[in-house]
Amino acid sequence: MGFIWFGNFDDAIYWYNGNYFVNFRNIVNDSTSLNNNSISGIIEDSKGNCWTGTRNRGLNSVDLQHNKFYHFKHNSSEIKPISNNQVRIIVEEKDGYLWIGNDNGRDSFIHNKNPLSKISL
């Protein structure tokens, strides 16, 4: 049985494992929680990683094993951050590349084996 992810603009994300729902939300002063409850895009990639785009805080990935979120934001201390924090869409290619569409008129991509790479279209 697979998992189902739900996200919306007001109530963060939910994960359903076939038996129960788990709600992931931003927790103030917790840098390992979801960084914004306003979700604009969500995808589970071919490796089982969940990626969420937010309306103003960039991109998140979740580590379910440790109940921890990783954040990728424009102008952050992350190596090669995304080009805009207004993430609109996340799509995975068959080779594992994730394309991130945002409000900057360009797309960024993340390769699942590297922290983050960026291209401008």
PDB file of N, CA and C in Angstrom:
ATOM      1  N   MET A   1       0.837  -1.177   0.000  1.00  0.00           N
ATOM      2  CA  MET A   1       0.000   0.000   0.000  1.00  0.00           C
ATOM      3  C   MET A   1       0.885   1.245   0.000  1.00  0.00           C
ATOM      4  N   GLY A   2       0.541   2.216  -0.815  1.00  0.00           N
ATOM      5  CA  GLY A   2       1.309   3.452  -0.908  1.00  0.00           C
ATOM      6  C   GLY A   2       0.818   4.501   0.062  1.00  0.00           C
ATOM      7  N   PHE A   3       1.472   5.621   0.015  1.00  0.00           N
ATOM      8  CA  PHE A   3       1.119   6.759   0.858  1.00  0.00           C
ATOM      9  C   PHE A   3       0.478   7.836  -0.001  1.00  0.00           C
ATOM     10  N   ILE A   4      -0.333   8.668   0.616  1.00  0.00           N
ATOM     11  CA  ILE A   4      -0.944   9.797  -0.079  1.00  0.00           C
ATOM     12  C   ILE A   4      -0.578  11.065   0.673  1.00  0.00           C
ATOM     13  N   TRP A   5      -0.175  12.089  -0.075  1.00  0.00           N
ATOM     14  CA  TRP A   5       0.144  13.395   0.489  1.00  0.00           C
ATOM     15  C   TRP A   5      -0.931  14.390   0.060  1.00  0.00           C
ATOM     16  N   PHE A   6      -1.376  15.236   0.997  1.00  0.00           N
ATOM     17  CA  PHE A   6      -2.332  16.301   0.723  1.00  0.00           C
ATOM     18  C   PHE A   6      -1.732  17.617   1.202  1.00  0.00           C
ATOM     19  N   GLY A   7      -1.930  18.660   0.439  1.00  0.00           N
ATOM     20  CA  GLY A   7      -1.476  19.982   0.860  1.00  0.00           C
ATOM     21  C   GLY A   7      -2.480  21.028   0.425  1.00  0.00           C
ATOM     22  N   ASN A   8      -2.538  22.140   1.164  1.00  0.00           N
ATOM     23  CA  ASN A   8      -3.430  23.225   0.767  1.00  0.00           C
ATOM     24  C   ASN A   8      -2.847  24.568   1.203  1.00  0.00           C
ATOM     25  N   PHE A   9      -3.560  25.652   0.898  1.00  0.00           N
ATOM     26  CA  PHE A   9      -3.046  26.999   1.168  1.00  0.00           C
ATOM     27  C   PHE A   9      -3.138  27.421   2.629  1.00  0.00           C
ATOM     28  N   ASP A  10      -3.891  26.710   3.445  1.00  0.00           N
ATOM     29  CA  ASP A  10      -4.116  27.183   4.811  1.00  0.00           C
ATOM     30  C   ASP A  10      -3.731  26.213   5.924  1.00  0.00           C
ATOM     31  N   ASP A  11      -3.667  24.939   5.634  1.00  0.00           N
ATOM     32  CA  ASP A  11      -3.546  23.963   6.721  1.00  0.00           C
ATOM     33  C   ASP A  11      -2.363  23.016   6.548  1.00  0.00           C
ATOM     34  N   ALA A  12      -1.307  23.474   5.893  1.00  0.00           N
ATOM     35  CA  ALA A  12      -0.071  22.692   5.761  1.00  0.00           C
ATOM     36  C   ALA A  12      -0.280  21.406   4.971  1.00  0.00           C
ATOM     37  N   ILE A  13       0.383  20.317   5.378  1.00  0.00           N
ATOM     38  CA  ILE A  13       0.270  19.062   4.623  1.00  0.00           C
ATOM     39  C   ILE A  13      -0.172  17.916   5.530  1.00  0.00           C
ATOM     40  N   TYR A  14      -0.820  16.948   4.886  1.00  0.00           N
ATOM     41  CA  TYR A  14      -1.240  15.730   5.560  1.00  0.00           C
ATOM     42  C   TYR A  14      -0.640  14.548   4.822  1.00  0.00           C
ATOM     43  N   TRP A  15      -0.269  13.548   5.580  1.00  0.00           N
ATOM     44  CA  TRP A  15       0.252  12.290   5.047  1.00  0.00           C
ATOM     45  C   TRP A  15      -0.684  11.188   5.497  1.00  0.00           C
ATOM     46  N   TYR A  16      -1.147  10.376   4.542  1.00  0.00           N
ATOM     47  CA  TYR A  16      -2.048   9.268   4.847  1.00  0.00           C
ATOM     48  C   TYR A  16      -1.354   7.969   4.485  1.00  0.00           C
ATOM     49  N   ASN A  17      -1.240   7.063   5.430  1.00  0.00           N
ATOM     50  CA  ASN A  17      -0.532   5.799   5.201  1.00  0.00           C
ATOM     51  C   ASN A  17      -1.467   4.618   4.994  1.00  0.00           C
ATOM     52  N   GLY A  18      -2.751   4.873   4.823  1.00  0.00           N
ATOM     53  CA  GLY A  18      -3.726   3.805   4.641  1.00  0.00           C
ATOM     54  C   GLY A  18      -4.492   3.484   5.905  1.00  0.00           C
ATOM     55  N   ASN A  19      -3.982   3.947   7.035  1.00  0.00           N
ATOM     56  CA  ASN A  19      -4.635   3.703   8.321  1.00  0.00           C
ATOM     57  C   ASN A  19      -4.980   4.978   9.067  1.00  0.00           C
ATOM     58  N   TYR A  20      -4.120   5.984   8.988  1.00  0.00           N
ATOM     59  CA  TYR A  20      -4.349   7.220   9.715  1.00  0.00           C
ATOM     60  C   TYR A  20      -3.675   8.393   9.005  1.00  0.00           C
ATOM     61  N   PHE A  21      -4.107   9.600   9.388  1.00  0.00           N
ATOM     62  CA  PHE A  21      -3.546  10.840   8.859  1.00  0.00           C
ATOM     63  C   PHE A  21      -2.550  11.430   9.863  1.00  0.00           C
ATOM     64  N   VAL A  22      -1.495  12.035   9.330  1.00  0.00           N
ATOM     65  CA  VAL A  22      -0.548  12.804  10.133  1.00  0.00           C
ATOM     66  C   VAL A  22      -0.486  14.198   9.528  1.00  0.00           C
ATOM     67  N   ASN A  23      -0.627  15.224  10.364  1.00  0.00           N
ATOM     68  CA  ASN A  23      -0.565  16.609   9.909  1.00  0.00           C
ATOM     69  C   ASN A  23       0.810  17.181  10.219  1.00  0.00           C
ATOM     70  N   PHE A  24       1.454  17.751   9.207  1.00  0.00           N
ATOM     71  CA  PHE A  24       2.736  18.438   9.378  1.00  0.00           C
ATOM     72  C   PHE A  24       2.487  19.930   9.211  1.00  0.00           C
ATOM     73  N   ARG A  25       2.907  20.705  10.198  1.00  0.00           N
ATOM     74  CA  ARG A  25       2.681  22.140  10.192  1.00  0.00           C
ATOM     75  C   ARG A  25       3.956  22.867  10.603  1.00  0.00           C
ATOM     76  N   ASN A  26       3.978  24.162  10.331  1.00  0.00           N
ATOM     77  CA  ASN A  26       5.055  24.995  10.833  1.00  0.00           C
ATOM     78  C   ASN A  26       4.917  25.123  12.342  1.00  0.00           C
ATOM     79  N   ILE A  27       6.021  24.928  13.036  1.00  0.00           N
ATOM     80  CA  ILE A  27       6.071  25.127  14.479  1.00  0.00           C
ATOM     81  C   ILE A  27       7.046  26.277  14.729  1.00  0.00           C
ATOM     82  N   VAL A  28       6.542  27.352  15.306  1.00  0.00           N
ATOM     83  CA  VAL A  28       7.355  28.539  15.544  1.00  0.00           C
ATOM     84  C   VAL A  28       8.602  28.168  16.342  1.00  0.00           C
ATOM     85  N   ASN A  29       9.745  28.677  15.899  1.00  0.00           N
ATOM     86  CA  ASN A  29      11.053  28.449  16.528  1.00  0.00           C
ATOM     87  C   ASN A  29      11.558  27.015  16.424  1.00  0.00           C
ATOM     88  N   ASP A  30      10.975  26.214  15.525  1.00  0.00           N
ATOM     89  CA  ASP A  30      11.476  24.860  15.276  1.00  0.00           C
ATOM     90  C   ASP A  30      11.985  24.804  13.838  1.00  0.00           C
ATOM     91  N   SER A  31      13.284  24.878  13.666  1.00  0.00           N
ATOM     92  CA  SER A  31      13.877  24.926  12.318  1.00  0.00           C
ATOM     93  C   SER A  31      13.773  23.607  11.573  1.00  0.00           C
ATOM     94  N   THR A  32      13.324  22.541  12.234  1.00  0.00           N
ATOM     95  CA  THR A  32      13.168  21.253  11.558  1.00  0.00           C
ATOM     96  C   THR A  32      11.720  20.989  11.141  1.00  0.00           C
ATOM     97  N   SER A  33      10.826  21.936  11.415  1.00  0.00           N
ATOM     98  CA  SER A  33       9.429  21.758  11.007  1.00  0.00           C
ATOM     99  C   SER A  33       9.225  22.347   9.611  1.00  0.00           C
ATOM    100  N   LEU A  34       8.081  22.084   9.039  1.00  0.00           N
ATOM    101  CA  LEU A  34       7.679  22.700   7.778  1.00  0.00           C
ATOM    102  C   LEU A  34       7.825  24.206   7.930  1.00  0.00           C
ATOM    103  N   ASN A  35       8.400  24.898   6.932  1.00  0.00           N
ATOM    104  CA  ASN A  35       8.698  26.316   7.136  1.00  0.00           C
ATOM    105  C   ASN A  35       7.543  27.261   6.799  1.00  0.00           C
ATOM    106  N   ASN A  36       6.434  26.753   6.277  1.00  0.00           N
ATOM    107  CA  ASN A  36       5.280  27.583   5.955  1.00  0.00           C
ATOM    108  C   ASN A  36       4.070  26.679   5.796  1.00  0.00           C
ATOM    109  N   ASN A  37       2.929  27.079   6.336  1.00  0.00           N
ATOM    110  CA  ASN A  37       1.713  26.267   6.234  1.00  0.00           C
ATOM    111  C   ASN A  37       0.943  26.479   4.938  1.00  0.00           C
ATOM    112  N   SER A  38       1.380  27.407   4.105  1.00  0.00           N
ATOM    113  CA  SER A  38       0.708  27.704   2.851  1.00  0.00           C
ATOM    114  C   SER A  38       1.387  26.922   1.716  1.00  0.00           C
ATOM    115  N   ILE A  39       0.824  25.792   1.360  1.00  0.00           N
ATOM    116  CA  ILE A  39       1.425  24.870   0.392  1.00  0.00           C
ATOM    117  C   ILE A  39       0.890  25.161  -1.009  1.00  0.00           C
ATOM    118  N   SER A  40       1.806  25.313  -1.960  1.00  0.00           N
ATOM    119  CA  SER A  40       1.411  25.599  -3.343  1.00  0.00           C
ATOM    120  C   SER A  40       1.734  24.459  -4.298  1.00  0.00           C
ATOM    121  N   GLY A  41       2.524  23.501  -3.879  1.00  0.00           N
ATOM    122  CA  GLY A  41       2.854  22.351  -4.708  1.00  0.00           C
ATOM    123  C   GLY A  41       3.376  21.223  -3.842  1.00  0.00           C
ATOM    124  N   ILE A  42       3.098  19.986  -4.279  1.00  0.00           N
ATOM    125  CA  ILE A  42       3.547  18.837  -3.500  1.00  0.00           C
ATOM    126  C   ILE A  42       3.771  17.654  -4.442  1.00  0.00           C
ATOM    127  N   ILE A  43       4.834  16.906  -4.192  1.00  0.00           N
ATOM    128  CA  ILE A  43       5.121  15.730  -5.007  1.00  0.00           C
ATOM    129  C   ILE A  43       5.900  14.718  -4.172  1.00  0.00           C
ATOM    130  N   GLU A  44       5.627  13.456  -4.392  1.00  0.00           N
ATOM    131  CA  GLU A  44       6.481  12.403  -3.860  1.00  0.00           C
ATOM    132  C   GLU A  44       7.306  11.893  -5.024  1.00  0.00           C
ATOM    133  N   ASP A  45       8.626  11.975  -4.915  1.00  0.00           N
ATOM    134  CA  ASP A  45       9.475  11.579  -6.032  1.00  0.00           C
ATOM    135  C   ASP A  45       9.636  10.065  -6.105  1.00  0.00           C
ATOM    136  N   SER A  46      10.342   9.591  -7.103  1.00  0.00           N
ATOM    137  CA  SER A  46      10.489   8.161  -7.344  1.00  0.00           C
ATOM    138  C   SER A  46      11.275   7.449  -6.249  1.00  0.00           C
ATOM    139  N   LYS A  47      11.969   8.196  -5.402  1.00  0.00           N
ATOM    140  CA  LYS A  47      12.707   7.609  -4.279  1.00  0.00           C
ATOM    141  C   LYS A  47      11.900   7.653  -2.981  1.00  0.00           C
ATOM    142  N   GLY A  48      10.665   8.163  -3.064  1.00  0.00           N
ATOM    143  CA  GLY A  48       9.809   8.218  -1.887  1.00  0.00           C
ATOM    144  C   GLY A  48       9.956   9.479  -1.055  1.00  0.00           C
ATOM    145  N   ASN A  49      10.715  10.460  -1.555  1.00  0.00           N
ATOM    146  CA  ASN A  49      10.876  11.728  -0.840  1.00  0.00           C
ATOM    147  C   ASN A  49       9.705  12.648  -1.156  1.00  0.00           C
ATOM    148  N   CYS A  50       9.187  13.319  -0.140  1.00  0.00           N
ATOM    149  CA  CYS A  50       8.127  14.298  -0.347  1.00  0.00           C
ATOM    150  C   CYS A  50       8.742  15.684  -0.423  1.00  0.00           C
ATOM    151  N   TRP A  51       8.363  16.436  -1.466  1.00  0.00           N
ATOM    152  CA  TRP A  51       8.806  17.815  -1.682  1.00  0.00           C
ATOM    153  C   TRP A  51       7.580  18.698  -1.664  1.00  0.00           C
ATOM    154  N   THR A  52       7.647  19.822  -0.927  1.00  0.00           N
ATOM    155  CA  THR A  52       6.540  20.756  -0.891  1.00  0.00           C
ATOM    156  C   THR A  52       7.023  22.147  -1.265  1.00  0.00           C
ATOM    157  N   GLY A  53       6.271  22.791  -2.126  1.00  0.00           N
ATOM    158  CA  GLY A  53       6.519  24.186  -2.464  1.00  0.00           C
ATOM    159  C   GLY A  53       5.596  25.045  -1.632  1.00  0.00           C
ATOM    160  N   THR A  54       6.061  26.228  -1.274  1.00  0.00           N
ATOM    161  CA  THR A  54       5.245  27.128  -0.465  1.00  0.00           C
ATOM    162  C   THR A  54       5.013  28.442  -1.203  1.00  0.00           C
ATOM    163  N   ARG A  55       4.066  29.208  -0.720  1.00  0.00           N
ATOM    164  CA  ARG A  55       3.731  30.479  -1.369  1.00  0.00           C
ATOM    165  C   ARG A  55       4.785  31.548  -1.152  1.00  0.00           C
ATOM    166  N   ASN A  56       5.531  31.502  -0.080  1.00  0.00           N
ATOM    167  CA  ASN A  56       6.517  32.555   0.156  1.00  0.00           C
ATOM    168  C   ASN A  56       7.801  32.095   0.839  1.00  0.00           C
ATOM    169  N   ARG A  57       7.953  30.818   1.094  1.00  0.00           N
ATOM    170  CA  ARG A  57       9.110  30.359   1.858  1.00  0.00           C
ATOM    171  C   ARG A  57       9.939  29.301   1.135  1.00  0.00           C
ATOM    172  N   GLY A  58       9.764  29.153  -0.162  1.00  0.00           N
ATOM    173  CA  GLY A  58      10.607  28.244  -0.924  1.00  0.00           C
ATOM    174  C   GLY A  58      10.154  26.799  -0.902  1.00  0.00           C
ATOM    175  N   LEU A  59      11.123  25.911  -0.826  1.00  0.00           N
ATOM    176  CA  LEU A  59      10.914  24.480  -0.996  1.00  0.00           C
ATOM    177  C   LEU A  59      11.289  23.735   0.275  1.00  0.00           C
ATOM    178  N   ASN A  60      10.540  22.669   0.580  1.00  0.00           N
ATOM    179  CA  ASN A  60      10.822  21.803   1.721  1.00  0.00           C
ATOM    180  C   ASN A  60      10.917  20.365   1.249  1.00  0.00           C
ATOM    181  N   SER A  61      11.748  19.590   1.892  1.00  0.00           N
ATOM    182  CA  SER A  61      11.695  18.128   1.738  1.00  0.00           C
ATOM    183  C   SER A  61      11.614  17.551   3.139  1.00  0.00           C
ATOM    184  N   VAL A  62      10.940  16.414   3.262  1.00  0.00           N
ATOM    185  CA  VAL A  62      10.721  15.827   4.582  1.00  0.00           C
ATOM    186  C   VAL A  62      11.443  14.491   4.703  1.00  0.00           C
ATOM    187  N   ASP A  63      12.022  14.272   5.852  1.00  0.00           N
ATOM    188  CA  ASP A  63      12.635  13.006   6.221  1.00  0.00           C
ATOM    189  C   ASP A  63      11.680  12.354   7.212  1.00  0.00           C
ATOM    190  N   LEU A  64      10.855  11.419   6.729  1.00  0.00           N
ATOM    191  CA  LEU A  64       9.851  10.795   7.587  1.00  0.00           C
ATOM    192  C   LEU A  64      10.466   9.950   8.695  1.00  0.00           C
ATOM    193  N   GLN A  65      11.622   9.400   8.436  1.00  0.00           N
ATOM    194  CA  GLN A  65      12.280   8.554   9.431  1.00  0.00           C
ATOM    195  C   GLN A  65      12.634   9.348  10.695  1.00  0.00           C
ATOM    196  N   HIS A  66      13.017  10.607  10.503  1.00  0.00           N
ATOM    197  CA  HIS A  66      13.420  11.440  11.635  1.00  0.00           C
ATOM    198  C   HIS A  66      12.445  12.583  11.916  1.00  0.00           C
ATOM    199  N   ASN A  67      11.332  12.611  11.176  1.00  0.00           N
ATOM    200  CA  ASN A  67      10.308  13.646  11.344  1.00  0.00           C
ATOM    201  C   ASN A  67      10.929  15.041  11.275  1.00  0.00           C
ATOM    202  N   LYS A  68      11.703  15.273  10.206  1.00  0.00           N
ATOM    203  CA  LYS A  68      12.473  16.503  10.057  1.00  0.00           C
ATOM    204  C   LYS A  68      12.309  17.048   8.637  1.00  0.00           C
ATOM    205  N   PHE A  69      12.204  18.363   8.510  1.00  0.00           N
ATOM    206  CA  PHE A  69      12.113  19.016   7.216  1.00  0.00           C
ATOM    207  C   PHE A  69      13.424  19.716   6.883  1.00  0.00           C
ATOM    208  N   TYR A  70      13.771  19.708   5.602  1.00  0.00           N
ATOM    209  CA  TYR A  70      14.912  20.455   5.083  1.00  0.00           C
ATOM    210  C   TYR A  70      14.363  21.576   4.216  1.00  0.00           C
ATOM    211  N   HIS A  71      14.965  22.756   4.309  1.00  0.00           N
ATOM    212  CA  HIS A  71      14.452  23.935   3.620  1.00  0.00           C
ATOM    213  C   HIS A  71      15.440  24.417   2.566  1.00  0.00           C
ATOM    214  N   PHE A  72      14.900  24.821   1.417  1.00  0.00           N
ATOM    215  CA  PHE A  72      15.679  25.394   0.326  1.00  0.00           C
ATOM    216  C   PHE A  72      15.024  26.715  -0.027  1.00  0.00           C
ATOM    217  N   LYS A  73      15.722  27.817   0.277  1.00  0.00           N
ATOM    218  CA  LYS A  73      15.132  29.133   0.072  1.00  0.00           C
ATOM    219  C   LYS A  73      16.074  30.027  -0.724  1.00  0.00           C
ATOM    220  N   HIS A  74      15.483  30.981  -1.429  1.00  0.00           N
ATOM    221  CA  HIS A  74      16.247  32.003  -2.125  1.00  0.00           C
ATOM    222  C   HIS A  74      16.951  32.888  -1.094  1.00  0.00           C
ATOM    223  N   ASN A  75      18.215  33.224  -1.358  1.00  0.00           N
ATOM    224  CA  ASN A  75      19.019  34.057  -0.468  1.00  0.00           C
ATOM    225  C   ASN A  75      19.263  33.424   0.896  1.00  0.00           C
ATOM    226  N   SER A  76      19.203  32.114   0.956  1.00  0.00           N
ATOM    227  CA  SER A  76      19.498  31.444   2.217  1.00  0.00           C
ATOM    228  C   SER A  76      20.967  31.062   2.258  1.00  0.00           C
ATOM    229  N   SER A  77      21.369  30.418   3.305  1.00  0.00           N
ATOM    230  CA  SER A  77      22.758  29.971   3.423  1.00  0.00           C
ATOM    231  C   SER A  77      22.997  28.655   2.699  1.00  0.00           C
ATOM    232  N   GLU A  78      21.941  28.074   2.128  1.00  0.00           N
ATOM    233  CA  GLU A  78      22.081  26.828   1.382  1.00  0.00           C
ATOM    234  C   GLU A  78      22.943  27.051   0.147  1.00  0.00           C
ATOM    235  N   ILE A  79      23.659  26.036  -0.260  1.00  0.00           N
ATOM    236  CA  ILE A  79      24.455  26.103  -1.483  1.00  0.00           C
ATOM    237  C   ILE A  79      23.493  26.148  -2.672  1.00  0.00           C
ATOM    238  N   LYS A  80      23.692  27.095  -3.567  1.00  0.00           N
ATOM    239  CA  LYS A  80      22.886  27.242  -4.784  1.00  0.00           C
ATOM    240  C   LYS A  80      21.386  27.216  -4.478  1.00  0.00           C
ATOM    241  N   PRO A  81      20.869  28.236  -3.804  1.00  0.00           N
ATOM    242  CA  PRO A  81      19.448  28.245  -3.461  1.00  0.00           C
ATOM    243  C   PRO A  81      18.554  28.398  -4.685  1.00  0.00           C
ATOM    244  N   ILE A  82      17.273  28.168  -4.505  1.00  0.00           N
ATOM    245  CA  ILE A  82      16.325  28.338  -5.601  1.00  0.00           C
ATOM    246  C   ILE A  82      16.234  29.821  -5.952  1.00  0.00           C
ATOM    247  N   SER A  83      15.733  30.124  -7.138  1.00  0.00           N
ATOM    248  CA  SER A  83      15.762  31.502  -7.629  1.00  0.00           C
ATOM    249  C   SER A  83      14.616  32.373  -7.121  1.00  0.00           C
ATOM    250  N   ASN A  84      13.573  31.776  -6.519  1.00  0.00           N
ATOM    251  CA  ASN A  84      12.453  32.541  -6.001  1.00  0.00           C
ATOM    252  C   ASN A  84      11.721  31.690  -4.971  1.00  0.00           C
ATOM    253  N   ASN A  85      11.256  32.294  -3.896  1.00  0.00           N
ATOM    254  CA  ASN A  85      10.588  31.543  -2.826  1.00  0.00           C
ATOM    255  C   ASN A  85       9.117  31.257  -3.094  1.00  0.00           C
ATOM    256  N   GLN A  86       8.568  31.812  -4.174  1.00  0.00           N
ATOM    257  CA  GLN A  86       7.171  31.579  -4.536  1.00  0.00           C
ATOM    258  C   GLN A  86       7.119  30.369  -5.467  1.00  0.00           C
ATOM    259  N   VAL A  87       7.142  29.167  -4.914  1.00  0.00           N
ATOM    260  CA  VAL A  87       7.145  27.933  -5.711  1.00  0.00           C
ATOM    261  C   VAL A  87       5.727  27.655  -6.201  1.00  0.00           C
ATOM    262  N   ARG A  88       5.599  27.426  -7.510  1.00  0.00           N
ATOM    263  CA  ARG A  88       4.283  27.182  -8.106  1.00  0.00           C
ATOM    264  C   ARG A  88       4.029  25.717  -8.454  1.00  0.00           C
ATOM    265  N   ILE A  89       5.083  25.021  -8.892  1.00  0.00           N
ATOM    266  CA  ILE A  89       4.900  23.644  -9.348  1.00  0.00           C
ATOM    267  C   ILE A  89       6.198  22.866  -9.177  1.00  0.00           C
ATOM    268  N   ILE A  90       6.071  21.575  -8.915  1.00  0.00           N
ATOM    269  CA  ILE A  90       7.215  20.673  -8.800  1.00  0.00           C
ATOM    270  C   ILE A  90       6.912  19.466  -9.670  1.00  0.00           C
ATOM    271  N   VAL A  91       7.833  19.143 -10.572  1.00  0.00           N
ATOM    272  CA  VAL A  91       7.639  18.021 -11.497  1.00  0.00           C
ATOM    273  C   VAL A  91       8.917  17.187 -11.516  1.00  0.00           C
ATOM    274  N   GLU A  92       8.779  15.864 -11.553  1.00  0.00           N
ATOM    275  CA  GLU A  92       9.943  14.988 -11.639  1.00  0.00           C
ATOM    276  C   GLU A  92      10.038  14.371 -13.024  1.00  0.00           C
ATOM    277  N   GLU A  93      11.238  14.396 -13.594  1.00  0.00           N
ATOM    278  CA  GLU A  93      11.507  13.686 -14.844  1.00  0.00           C
ATOM    279  C   GLU A  93      11.806  12.230 -14.538  1.00  0.00           C
ATOM    280  N   LYS A  94      11.768  11.389 -15.557  1.00  0.00           N
ATOM    281  CA  LYS A  94      12.008   9.963 -15.338  1.00  0.00           C
ATOM    282  C   LYS A  94      13.425   9.661 -14.867  1.00  0.00           C
ATOM    283  N   ASP A  95      14.381  10.576 -15.092  1.00  0.00           N
ATOM    284  CA  ASP A  95      15.759  10.366 -14.641  1.00  0.00           C
ATOM    285  C   ASP A  95      16.006  10.873 -13.220  1.00  0.00           C
ATOM    286  N   GLY A  96      14.961  11.348 -12.541  1.00  0.00           N
ATOM    287  CA  GLY A  96      15.083  11.760 -11.153  1.00  0.00           C
ATOM    288  C   GLY A  96      15.292  13.240 -10.918  1.00  0.00           C
ATOM    289  N   TYR A  97      15.388  14.034 -11.986  1.00  0.00           N
ATOM    290  CA  TYR A  97      15.516  15.484 -11.804  1.00  0.00           C
ATOM    291  C   TYR A  97      14.176  16.083 -11.423  1.00  0.00           C
ATOM    292  N   LEU A  98      14.196  16.994 -10.458  1.00  0.00           N
ATOM    293  CA  LEU A  98      13.000  17.737 -10.087  1.00  0.00           C
ATOM    294  C   LEU A  98      13.092  19.133 -10.670  1.00  0.00           C
ATOM    295  N   TRP A  99      12.040  19.556 -11.345  1.00  0.00           N
ATOM    296  CA  TRP A  99      11.955  20.903 -11.906  1.00  0.00           C
ATOM    297  C   TRP A  99      11.040  21.716 -11.003  1.00  0.00           C
ATOM    298  N   ILE A 100      11.514  22.893 -10.628  1.00  0.00           N
ATOM    299  CA  ILE A 100      10.776  23.765  -9.734  1.00  0.00           C
ATOM    300  C   ILE A 100      10.365  25.008 -10.510  1.00  0.00           C
ATOM    301  N   GLY A 101       9.066  25.205 -10.711  1.00  0.00           N
ATOM    302  CA  GLY A 101       8.559  26.409 -11.355  1.00  0.00           C
ATOM    303  C   GLY A 101       8.228  27.438 -10.288  1.00  0.00           C
ATOM    304  N   ASN A 102       8.659  28.690 -10.512  1.00  0.00           N
ATOM    305  CA  ASN A 102       8.434  29.721  -9.507  1.00  0.00           C
ATOM    306  C   ASN A 102       8.062  31.051 -10.155  1.00  0.00           C
ATOM    307  N   ASP A 103       7.886  32.064  -9.358  1.00  0.00           N
ATOM    308  CA  ASP A 103       7.438  33.377  -9.838  1.00  0.00           C
ATOM    309  C   ASP A 103       8.528  34.211 -10.492  1.00  0.00           C
ATOM    310  N   ASN A 104       9.718  33.708 -10.585  1.00  0.00           N
ATOM    311  CA  ASN A 104      10.816  34.482 -11.132  1.00  0.00           C
ATOM    312  C   ASN A 104      10.922  34.361 -12.655  1.00  0.00           C
ATOM    313  N   GLY A 105       9.983  33.664 -13.264  1.00  0.00           N
ATOM    314  CA  GLY A 105      10.038  33.499 -14.704  1.00  0.00           C
ATOM    315  C   GLY A 105      11.077  32.481 -15.125  1.00  0.00           C
ATOM    316  N   ARG A 106      11.654  31.762 -14.187  1.00  0.00           N
ATOM    317  CA  ARG A 106      12.614  30.713 -14.499  1.00  0.00           C
ATOM    318  C   ARG A 106      12.306  29.485 -13.665  1.00  0.00           C
ATOM    319  N   ASP A 107      12.898  28.407 -14.078  1.00  0.00           N
ATOM    320  CA  ASP A 107      12.740  27.159 -13.350  1.00  0.00           C
ATOM    321  C   ASP A 107      14.072  26.729 -12.776  1.00  0.00           C
ATOM    322  N   SER A 108      14.022  26.100 -11.650  1.00  0.00           N
ATOM    323  CA  SER A 108      15.206  25.529 -11.034  1.00  0.00           C
ATOM    324  C   SER A 108      15.034  24.020 -10.994  1.00  0.00           C
ATOM    325  N   PHE A 109      16.122  23.320 -10.904  1.00  0.00           N
ATOM    326  CA  PHE A 109      15.987  21.879 -10.759  1.00  0.00           C
ATOM    327  C   PHE A 109      16.843  21.379  -9.621  1.00  0.00           C
ATOM    328  N   ILE A 110      16.389  20.288  -9.053  1.00  0.00           N
ATOM    329  CA  ILE A 110      17.126  19.622  -7.994  1.00  0.00           C
ATOM    330  C   ILE A 110      17.361  18.201  -8.450  1.00  0.00           C
ATOM    331  N   HIS A 111      18.575  17.760  -8.345  1.00  0.00           N
ATOM    332  CA  HIS A 111      18.873  16.360  -8.615  1.00  0.00           C
ATOM    333  C   HIS A 111      18.898  15.657  -7.275  1.00  0.00           C
ATOM    334  N   ASN A 112      18.249  14.518  -7.188  1.00  0.00           N
ATOM    335  CA  ASN A 112      18.108  13.825  -5.915  1.00  0.00           C
ATOM    336  C   ASN A 112      19.428  13.416  -5.278  1.00  0.00           C
ATOM    337  N   LYS A 113      20.520  13.392  -6.041  1.00  0.00           N
ATOM    338  CA  LYS A 113      21.794  12.967  -5.490  1.00  0.00           C
ATOM    339  C   LYS A 113      22.663  14.141  -5.061  1.00  0.00           C
ATOM    340  N   ASN A 114      22.305  15.362  -5.440  1.00  0.00           N
ATOM    341  CA  ASN A 114      23.087  16.542  -5.107  1.00  0.00           C
ATOM    342  C   ASN A 114      22.205  17.492  -4.306  1.00  0.00           C
ATOM    343  N   PRO A 115      22.819  18.362  -3.490  1.00  0.00           N
ATOM    344  CA  PRO A 115      22.001  19.256  -2.685  1.00  0.00           C
ATOM    345  C   PRO A 115      21.052  20.128  -3.508  1.00  0.00           C
ATOM    346  N   LEU A 116      21.558  20.839  -4.496  1.00  0.00           N
ATOM    347  CA  LEU A 116      20.715  21.714  -5.293  1.00  0.00           C
ATOM    348  C   LEU A 116      21.513  22.267  -6.440  1.00  0.00           C
ATOM    349  N   SER A 117      20.912  22.291  -7.608  1.00  0.00           N
ATOM    350  CA  SER A 117      21.514  22.926  -8.780  1.00  0.00           C
ATOM    351  C   SER A 117      20.477  23.846  -9.368  1.00  0.00           C
ATOM    352  N   LYS A 118      20.906  24.872 -10.070  1.00  0.00           N
ATOM    353  CA  LYS A 118      19.966  25.851 -10.596  1.00  0.00           C
ATOM    354  C   LYS A 118      20.311  26.170 -12.038  1.00  0.00           C
ATOM    355  N   ILE A 119      19.283  26.336 -12.874  1.00  0.00           N
ATOM    356  CA  ILE A 119      19.471  26.839 -14.227  1.00  0.00           C
ATOM    357  C   ILE A 119      18.449  27.928 -14.480  1.00  0.00           C
ATOM    358  N   SER A 120      18.749  28.810 -15.391  1.00  0.00           N
ATOM    359  CA  SER A 120      17.809  29.844 -15.786  1.00  0.00           C
ATOM    360  C   SER A 120      17.365  29.561 -17.216  1.00  0.00           C
ATOM    361  N   LEU A 121      16.075  29.673 -17.448  1.00  0.00           N
ATOM    362  CA  LEU A 121      15.518  29.444 -18.784  1.00  0.00           C
ATOM    363  C   LEU A 121      15.163  30.767 -19.422  1.00  0.00           C
TER     364      LEU A 121
END
